[in-house]
Protein backbone atom coordinates (compact mmCIF):
# COMPACT_ATOMS: atom_id res chain seq x y z
CA MET A 1 -13.68 46.21 -0.19
CA ASN A 2 -12.73 47.70 -3.43
CA TYR A 3 -9.98 50.37 -3.45
CA LYS A 4 -7.56 51.98 -5.80
CA ILE A 5 -4.01 53.19 -5.37
CA ARG A 6 -2.65 56.02 -7.44
CA ALA A 7 0.03 58.58 -7.45
CA ALA A 8 -0.80 61.48 -5.30
CA THR A 9 -1.41 64.90 -6.84
CA LYS A 10 -1.12 68.34 -5.42
CA GLU A 11 -4.83 68.42 -4.77
CA ASP A 12 -4.43 65.40 -2.38
CA CYS A 13 -2.15 67.30 0.02
CA LYS A 14 -5.06 68.34 2.47
CA ASP A 15 -6.11 64.64 2.82
CA ILE A 16 -2.42 63.55 3.14
CA SER A 17 -1.86 66.33 5.69
CA ARG A 18 -4.90 65.12 7.66
CA MET A 19 -3.70 61.58 7.65
CA ILE A 20 -0.10 62.67 8.72
CA THR A 21 -1.74 64.28 11.78
CA GLU A 22 -3.84 61.07 12.42
CA LEU A 23 -0.63 59.00 12.26
CA ALA A 24 1.20 61.30 14.65
CA VAL A 25 -1.70 60.83 17.15
CA HIS A 26 -1.58 57.18 16.71
CA ASP A 27 2.22 57.23 17.22
CA LYS A 28 1.72 59.37 20.45
CA MET A 29 3.67 62.26 18.81
CA SER A 30 0.96 64.81 17.66
CA ASP A 31 3.09 67.61 19.09
CA GLN A 32 5.78 66.73 16.68
CA VAL A 33 3.76 67.75 13.45
CA LYS A 34 4.80 71.26 12.26
CA LEU A 35 4.40 70.77 8.54
CA SER A 36 1.48 72.57 6.80
CA TYR A 37 -0.27 71.18 3.77
CA GLU A 38 1.07 74.15 1.83
CA GLU A 39 4.60 73.06 2.62
CA LEU A 40 3.71 69.48 1.76
CA GLU A 41 2.33 70.68 -1.57
CA TYR A 42 5.46 72.65 -2.34
CA ASP A 43 7.96 70.00 -1.36
CA GLY A 44 6.12 67.26 -3.18
CA PHE A 45 5.10 69.05 -6.28
CA CYS A 46 7.91 71.51 -7.00
CA GLN A 47 10.45 71.18 -9.82
CA ASN A 48 12.72 68.82 -7.83
CA PRO A 49 10.30 67.10 -5.38
CA PHE A 50 11.62 65.79 -2.01
CA PHE A 51 9.23 63.03 -1.91
CA GLU A 52 6.73 60.96 -3.83
CA CYS A 53 3.33 59.61 -2.37
CA LEU A 54 0.76 57.12 -3.23
CA VAL A 55 -2.85 57.39 -2.03
CA ALA A 56 -5.53 54.77 -1.51
CA GLU A 57 -9.10 55.66 -2.38
CA VAL A 58 -12.40 53.98 -1.75
CA SER A 59 -15.61 54.44 -3.69
CA GLU A 60 -18.15 57.13 -2.57
CA GLU A 61 -20.34 54.47 -1.01
CA HIS A 62 -17.53 53.22 1.27
CA LYS A 63 -16.45 56.67 2.35
CA SER A 64 -15.39 57.15 6.04
CA LYS A 65 -17.77 58.30 8.69
CA GLU A 66 -16.44 61.84 8.17
CA GLY A 67 -16.97 61.57 4.39
CA PHE A 68 -13.32 60.88 3.25
CA THR A 69 -12.81 58.72 0.21
CA THR A 70 -8.84 59.03 0.50
CA VAL A 71 -8.25 56.56 3.33
CA GLY A 72 -4.58 55.80 3.21
CA TYR A 73 -1.13 56.96 1.93
CA ALA A 74 2.46 55.81 1.52
CA LEU A 75 5.09 58.67 1.42
CA TYR A 76 8.54 57.68 0.23
CA PHE A 77 11.71 59.20 -1.22
CA TYR A 78 14.88 57.99 -2.88
CA THR A 79 18.11 57.38 -1.01
CA TYR A 80 21.44 55.86 -2.07
CA SER A 81 23.49 53.10 -0.37
CA THR A 82 27.23 53.25 -0.99
CA TRP A 83 27.19 49.48 -0.50
CA LYS A 84 24.14 48.46 -2.45
CA GLY A 85 23.12 51.37 -4.76
CA ARG A 86 19.64 52.78 -5.38
CA SER A 87 17.24 52.64 -2.48
CA LEU A 88 13.80 53.75 -1.37
CA TYR A 89 12.97 55.01 2.13
CA LEU A 90 9.29 54.66 3.25
CA GLU A 91 8.65 57.53 5.60
CA ASP A 92 4.99 56.84 6.28
CA LEU A 93 2.54 54.05 5.48
CA TYR A 94 -0.91 54.83 6.93
CA VAL A 95 -4.43 53.55 6.54
CA MET A 96 -7.37 55.04 8.52
CA PRO A 97 -8.39 52.66 11.36
CA GLU A 98 -11.81 51.98 10.03
CA PHE A 99 -10.25 50.74 6.76
CA ARG A 100 -7.58 48.46 8.27
CA GLY A 101 -7.77 44.76 7.51
CA ASN A 102 -8.96 45.23 3.90
CA GLY A 103 -5.60 44.83 2.31
CA ILE A 104 -4.99 48.55 1.74
CA GLY A 105 -1.76 48.69 3.77
CA SER A 106 -0.50 45.64 1.90
CA GLY A 107 -1.45 47.17 -1.39
CA LEU A 108 0.25 50.43 -0.55
CA LEU A 109 3.39 48.73 0.59
CA SER A 110 3.53 46.57 -2.56
CA LYS A 111 3.01 49.50 -4.83
CA VAL A 112 5.94 51.32 -3.26
CA ALA A 113 8.02 48.15 -3.82
CA GLU A 114 6.87 48.05 -7.48
CA VAL A 115 7.84 51.70 -7.93
CA GLY A 116 11.23 50.88 -6.53
CA LYS A 117 11.85 47.86 -8.62
CA LYS A 118 10.87 50.02 -11.78
CA LYS A 119 13.50 52.48 -10.75
CA LYS A 120 16.08 49.68 -10.17
CA CYS A 121 16.18 50.22 -6.35
CA VAL A 122 17.72 47.24 -4.52
CA ARG A 123 16.11 47.84 -1.16
CA LEU A 124 13.23 49.48 0.61
CA GLN A 125 13.95 50.78 4.17
CA LEU A 126 11.70 52.25 6.85
CA SER A 127 11.59 52.74 10.64
CA VAL A 128 9.02 51.38 13.04
CA LEU A 129 8.57 52.45 16.63
CA ASN A 130 9.69 49.70 19.02
CA TRP A 131 6.21 49.65 20.88
CA ASN A 132 4.23 49.23 17.59
CA THR A 133 4.06 45.55 17.55
CA PRO A 134 1.27 45.23 15.09
CA ALA A 135 3.35 47.24 12.43
CA ARG A 136 6.53 45.33 13.25
CA ASP A 137 4.59 42.06 12.85
CA PHE A 138 3.17 43.38 9.60
CA TYR A 139 6.47 44.20 8.02
CA ALA A 140 8.07 40.99 9.40
CA ALA A 141 5.32 38.91 7.78
CA LYS A 142 6.11 40.61 4.49
CA GLY A 143 9.86 39.62 4.82
CA ALA A 144 11.37 42.76 6.45
CA GLN A 145 14.55 42.35 8.48
CA ASP A 146 14.87 44.19 11.77
CA LEU A 147 18.24 45.72 11.28
CA THR A 148 18.66 46.84 14.95
CA VAL A 149 18.34 43.15 16.01
CA ASN A 150 20.17 41.52 13.02
CA GLU A 151 22.89 44.02 12.34
CA GLY A 152 22.98 46.41 15.28
CA TRP A 153 22.12 49.57 13.25
CA HIS A 154 20.61 52.42 15.25
CA SER A 155 18.78 55.38 13.76
CA VAL A 156 20.15 58.78 14.78
CA ARG A 157 19.04 62.29 14.06
CA PHE A 158 20.35 65.86 14.18
CA ASP A 159 17.59 68.57 14.48
CA GLY A 160 16.83 71.94 15.95
CA GLN A 161 19.76 73.59 17.73
CA ASN A 162 21.95 70.59 17.29
CA LEU A 163 21.52 70.74 13.51
CA ASP A 164 22.26 74.48 13.61
CA ASN A 165 25.37 73.91 15.78
CA LEU A 166 26.57 71.16 13.35
CA ALA A 167 26.00 73.28 10.25
CA ASN A 168 27.85 76.32 12.01
CA GLU A 169 30.98 74.17 12.39
CA ALA A 170 31.23 73.63 8.54
CA PRO A 171 34.51 74.77 7.10
CA LYS A 172 34.18 78.21 5.54
CA ASP A 173 34.76 78.49 1.77
CA VAL A 174 38.14 79.91 0.83
């Protein structure tokens, strides 16, 4: 199946938002999605964007059952390692189920890696749910290392009231 990968535009945000919701359903976390497509538009296409995104498109004759031609996305942002330097973090890689197995996910992942290499990034990181064996196997087959297994790193998060509490403990400016 022919497809093309390109940089997302502001006009793609409704499709990206739709696929974010589809991914959350797949991940059994649909109640976690609180972001509107308007917020996505602003955060990705403001003066200092918080993320970049690639989309995968198929031709009109291969559109989805629902009529979509944008069938996948990869959303990523830049981070920095004090040990290694410039890095990329892949927040989401998603391909609609009916389009999987056509190389679109591999194409998106490779394009993100290409973007990182052009920006002199030395690594690409991501997180995968422990039960998502197909995704874990996909990334492993591409050469990804499982840092929890290999190095003992665990992912941690502050959000909601815990983030508020932590911020409230910040020293006051003099």
